[in-house]
Amino acid sequence: MSIKFTKLSQVLVVAAIASLFAVEAQAEMKPLDDAFKDAYHKRGKDAFKQSSLLYQIINMDGLLGFPEQHISADGKAVDQLYQKALTQQTSSGEYLVTRDLENPYNTSLRENPSYIAF
């Protein structure tokens, strides 16, 4: 009597294929300027890639979307990253305070304890 392993073999094949395409988790975050550059060029390409003949044909047909759609998607990605960076910066609990610029006066309103801010 033979046991058929069709279901088990199918599951094993699917698991093997899925493990080939598995994405590793990144332990480190990108610097903020690199993240902005990646978001800026997410859909749209730089001028050298856009000037190739193949890219021109693809743009005319709109197969991968039109340039205006790429610009809009890139703008949205940059805005989302900007909003996320602002929230992350303000959620740290500490305010970023810098000294006033040099001026002819020896004190500023911020350093004066009798000044009451509205």
C-alpha atoms as a PDB file:
ATOM      1  CA  MET A   1       0.000   0.000   0.000  1.00  0.00           C
ATOM      2  CA  SER A   2       1.576   3.262  -1.073  1.00  0.00           C
ATOM      3  CA  ILE A   3       0.954   6.571   0.658  1.00  0.00           C
ATOM      4  CA  LYS A   4       0.498   9.533  -1.636  1.00  0.00           C
ATOM      5  CA  PHE A   5       2.248  12.666  -0.495  1.00  0.00           C
ATOM      6  CA  THR A   6       0.735  15.016  -3.050  1.00  0.00           C
ATOM      7  CA  LYS A   7      -0.642  17.520  -0.544  1.00  0.00           C
ATOM      8  CA  LEU A   8       2.502  17.417   1.560  1.00  0.00           C
ATOM      9  CA  SER A   9       4.766  17.774  -1.459  1.00  0.00           C
ATOM     10  CA  GLN A  10       2.719  20.717  -2.716  1.00  0.00           C
ATOM     11  CA  VAL A  11       3.031  22.444   0.641  1.00  0.00           C
ATOM     12  CA  LEU A  12       6.777  21.814   0.696  1.00  0.00           C
ATOM     13  CA  VAL A  13       7.226  23.173  -2.827  1.00  0.00           C
ATOM     14  CA  VAL A  14       5.228  26.310  -2.014  1.00  0.00           C
ATOM     15  CA  ALA A  15       7.227  26.809   1.201  1.00  0.00           C
ATOM     16  CA  ALA A  16      10.519  26.383  -0.665  1.00  0.00           C
ATOM     17  CA  ILE A  17       9.515  28.905  -3.320  1.00  0.00           C
ATOM     18  CA  ALA A  18       8.285  31.361  -0.695  1.00  0.00           C
ATOM     19  CA  SER A  19      11.573  31.122   1.187  1.00  0.00           C
ATOM     20  CA  LEU A  20      13.469  32.030  -1.971  1.00  0.00           C
ATOM     21  CA  PHE A  21      11.594  35.299  -2.244  1.00  0.00           C
ATOM     22  CA  ALA A  22      11.558  36.119   1.468  1.00  0.00           C
ATOM     23  CA  VAL A  23      12.738  39.604   2.350  1.00  0.00           C
ATOM     24  CA  GLU A  24      15.197  40.032   5.182  1.00  0.00           C
ATOM     25  CA  ALA A  25      14.290  42.445   7.936  1.00  0.00           C
ATOM     26  CA  GLN A  26      16.597  45.421   8.075  1.00  0.00           C
ATOM     27  CA  ALA A  27      17.937  46.101  11.532  1.00  0.00           C
ATOM     28  CA  GLU A  28      19.272  49.529  10.719  1.00  0.00           C
ATOM     29  CA  MET A  29      17.351  52.508   9.419  1.00  0.00           C
ATOM     30  CA  LYS A  30      18.458  54.576   6.459  1.00  0.00           C
ATOM     31  CA  PRO A  31      19.720  58.065   7.113  1.00  0.00           C
ATOM     32  CA  LEU A  32      16.986  60.602   6.540  1.00  0.00           C
ATOM     33  CA  ASP A  33      18.595  62.173   3.475  1.00  0.00           C
ATOM     34  CA  ASP A  34      18.886  58.770   1.759  1.00  0.00           C
ATOM     35  CA  ALA A  35      15.268  58.020   2.592  1.00  0.00           C
ATOM     36  CA  PHE A  36      14.202  61.307   0.985  1.00  0.00           C
ATOM     37  CA  LYS A  37      16.266  60.584  -2.136  1.00  0.00           C
ATOM     38  CA  ASP A  38      14.702  57.133  -2.442  1.00  0.00           C
ATOM     39  CA  ALA A  39      11.202  58.552  -1.989  1.00  0.00           C
ATOM     40  CA  TYR A  40      11.902  61.295  -4.548  1.00  0.00           C
ATOM     41  CA  HIS A  41      13.012  58.767  -7.193  1.00  0.00           C
ATOM     42  CA  LYS A  42      10.562  56.000  -6.279  1.00  0.00           C
ATOM     43  CA  ARG A  43       8.472  56.017  -9.472  1.00  0.00           C
ATOM     44  CA  GLY A  44      10.093  58.677 -11.634  1.00  0.00           C
ATOM     45  CA  LYS A  45      13.576  58.122 -12.973  1.00  0.00           C
ATOM     46  CA  ASP A  46      16.438  60.517 -13.415  1.00  0.00           C
ATOM     47  CA  ALA A  47      17.028  62.388 -16.668  1.00  0.00           C
ATOM     48  CA  PHE A  48      19.513  59.860 -18.061  1.00  0.00           C
ATOM     49  CA  LYS A  49      17.113  56.943 -17.718  1.00  0.00           C
ATOM     50  CA  GLN A  50      14.206  58.960 -19.098  1.00  0.00           C
ATOM     51  CA  SER A  51      16.087  59.906 -22.245  1.00  0.00           C
ATOM     52  CA  SER A  52      16.585  56.332 -23.454  1.00  0.00           C
ATOM     53  CA  LEU A  53      14.588  55.201 -26.473  1.00  0.00           C
ATOM     54  CA  LEU A  54      12.875  52.366 -24.621  1.00  0.00           C
ATOM     55  CA  TYR A  55      11.740  54.670 -21.822  1.00  0.00           C
ATOM     56  CA  GLN A  56      10.406  57.183 -24.362  1.00  0.00           C
ATOM     57  CA  ILE A  57       8.304  54.471 -26.015  1.00  0.00           C
ATOM     58  CA  ILE A  58       7.008  53.253 -22.668  1.00  0.00           C
ATOM     59  CA  ASN A  59       6.064  56.831 -21.716  1.00  0.00           C
ATOM     60  CA  MET A  60       4.184  57.426 -24.967  1.00  0.00           C
ATOM     61  CA  ASP A  61       2.159  54.247 -24.526  1.00  0.00           C
ATOM     62  CA  GLY A  62       1.608  54.799 -20.821  1.00  0.00           C
ATOM     63  CA  LEU A  63       2.356  51.159 -20.079  1.00  0.00           C
ATOM     64  CA  LEU A  64       3.860  51.896 -16.686  1.00  0.00           C
ATOM     65  CA  GLY A  65       1.998  55.146 -16.180  1.00  0.00           C
ATOM     66  CA  PHE A  66       2.610  58.613 -17.516  1.00  0.00           C
ATOM     67  CA  PRO A  67       5.356  60.944 -16.200  1.00  0.00           C
ATOM     68  CA  GLU A  68       2.776  63.174 -14.502  1.00  0.00           C
ATOM     69  CA  GLN A  69       1.522  60.201 -12.522  1.00  0.00           C
ATOM     70  CA  HIS A  70       5.096  59.339 -11.509  1.00  0.00           C
ATOM     71  CA  ILE A  71       5.709  62.895 -10.336  1.00  0.00           C
ATOM     72  CA  SER A  72       2.488  62.850  -8.337  1.00  0.00           C
ATOM     73  CA  ALA A  73       3.326  59.496  -6.704  1.00  0.00           C
ATOM     74  CA  ASP A  74       6.851  60.682  -5.848  1.00  0.00           C
ATOM     75  CA  GLY A  75       5.475  63.884  -4.328  1.00  0.00           C
ATOM     76  CA  LYS A  76       3.062  61.886  -2.209  1.00  0.00           C
ATOM     77  CA  ALA A  77       5.861  59.573  -1.029  1.00  0.00           C
ATOM     78  CA  VAL A  78       8.064  62.545  -0.093  1.00  0.00           C
ATOM     79  CA  ASP A  79       5.176  64.197   1.776  1.00  0.00           C
ATOM     80  CA  GLN A  80       4.406  61.014   3.711  1.00  0.00           C
ATOM     81  CA  LEU A  81       8.077  60.636   4.664  1.00  0.00           C
ATOM     82  CA  TYR A  82       8.225  64.307   5.695  1.00  0.00           C
ATOM     83  CA  GLN A  83       5.134  63.959   7.893  1.00  0.00           C
ATOM     84  CA  LYS A  84       6.553  60.782   9.443  1.00  0.00           C
ATOM     85  CA  ALA A  85       9.910  62.480  10.125  1.00  0.00           C
ATOM     86  CA  LEU A  86       8.178  65.461  11.752  1.00  0.00           C
ATOM     87  CA  THR A  87       6.090  63.214  13.998  1.00  0.00           C
ATOM     88  CA  GLN A  88       9.160  61.217  14.951  1.00  0.00           C
ATOM     89  CA  GLN A  89      11.089  64.377  15.727  1.00  0.00           C
ATOM     90  CA  THR A  90       8.354  65.900  17.893  1.00  0.00           C
ATOM     91  CA  SER A  91       7.518  62.677  19.714  1.00  0.00           C
ATOM     92  CA  SER A  92      10.943  62.490  21.361  1.00  0.00           C
ATOM     93  CA  GLY A  93       9.704  64.765  24.142  1.00  0.00           C
ATOM     94  CA  GLU A  94      12.528  67.286  23.918  1.00  0.00           C
ATOM     95  CA  TYR A  95      12.150  70.621  22.204  1.00  0.00           C
ATOM     96  CA  LEU A  96      14.899  71.771  19.898  1.00  0.00           C
ATOM     97  CA  VAL A  97      16.031  75.124  21.207  1.00  0.00           C
ATOM     98  CA  THR A  98      18.856  77.137  19.738  1.00  0.00           C
ATOM     99  CA  ARG A  99      20.460  80.302  20.966  1.00  0.00           C
ATOM    100  CA  ASP A 100      19.455  83.554  19.402  1.00  0.00           C
ATOM    101  CA  LEU A 101      21.583  85.167  16.747  1.00  0.00           C
ATOM    102  CA  GLU A 102      24.224  87.636  17.800  1.00  0.00           C
ATOM    103  CA  ASN A 103      22.792  91.111  18.334  1.00  0.00           C
ATOM    104  CA  PRO A 104      23.892  94.348  19.996  1.00  0.00           C
ATOM    105  CA  TYR A 105      21.791  93.622  23.101  1.00  0.00           C
ATOM    106  CA  ASN A 106      23.134  91.604  25.985  1.00  0.00           C
ATOM    107  CA  THR A 107      19.913  89.591  26.677  1.00  0.00           C
ATOM    108  CA  SER A 108      16.967  88.244  24.743  1.00  0.00           C
ATOM    109  CA  LEU A 109      13.291  87.896  25.583  1.00  0.00           C
ATOM    110  CA  ARG A 110      13.619  84.143  25.884  1.00  0.00           C
ATOM    111  CA  GLU A 111      16.331  84.464  28.544  1.00  0.00           C
ATOM    112  CA  ASN A 112      14.414  87.124  30.516  1.00  0.00           C
ATOM    113  CA  PRO A 113      12.467  85.461  33.359  1.00  0.00           C
ATOM    114  CA  SER A 114      10.028  88.345  33.727  1.00  0.00           C
ATOM    115  CA  TYR A 115       8.798  87.921  30.138  1.00  0.00           C
ATOM    116  CA  ILE A 116       5.493  86.069  29.958  1.00  0.00           C
ATOM    117  CA  ALA A 117       4.765  84.405  26.647  1.00  0.00           C
ATOM    118  CA  PHE A 118       1.213  84.408  25.408  1.00  0.00           C
END
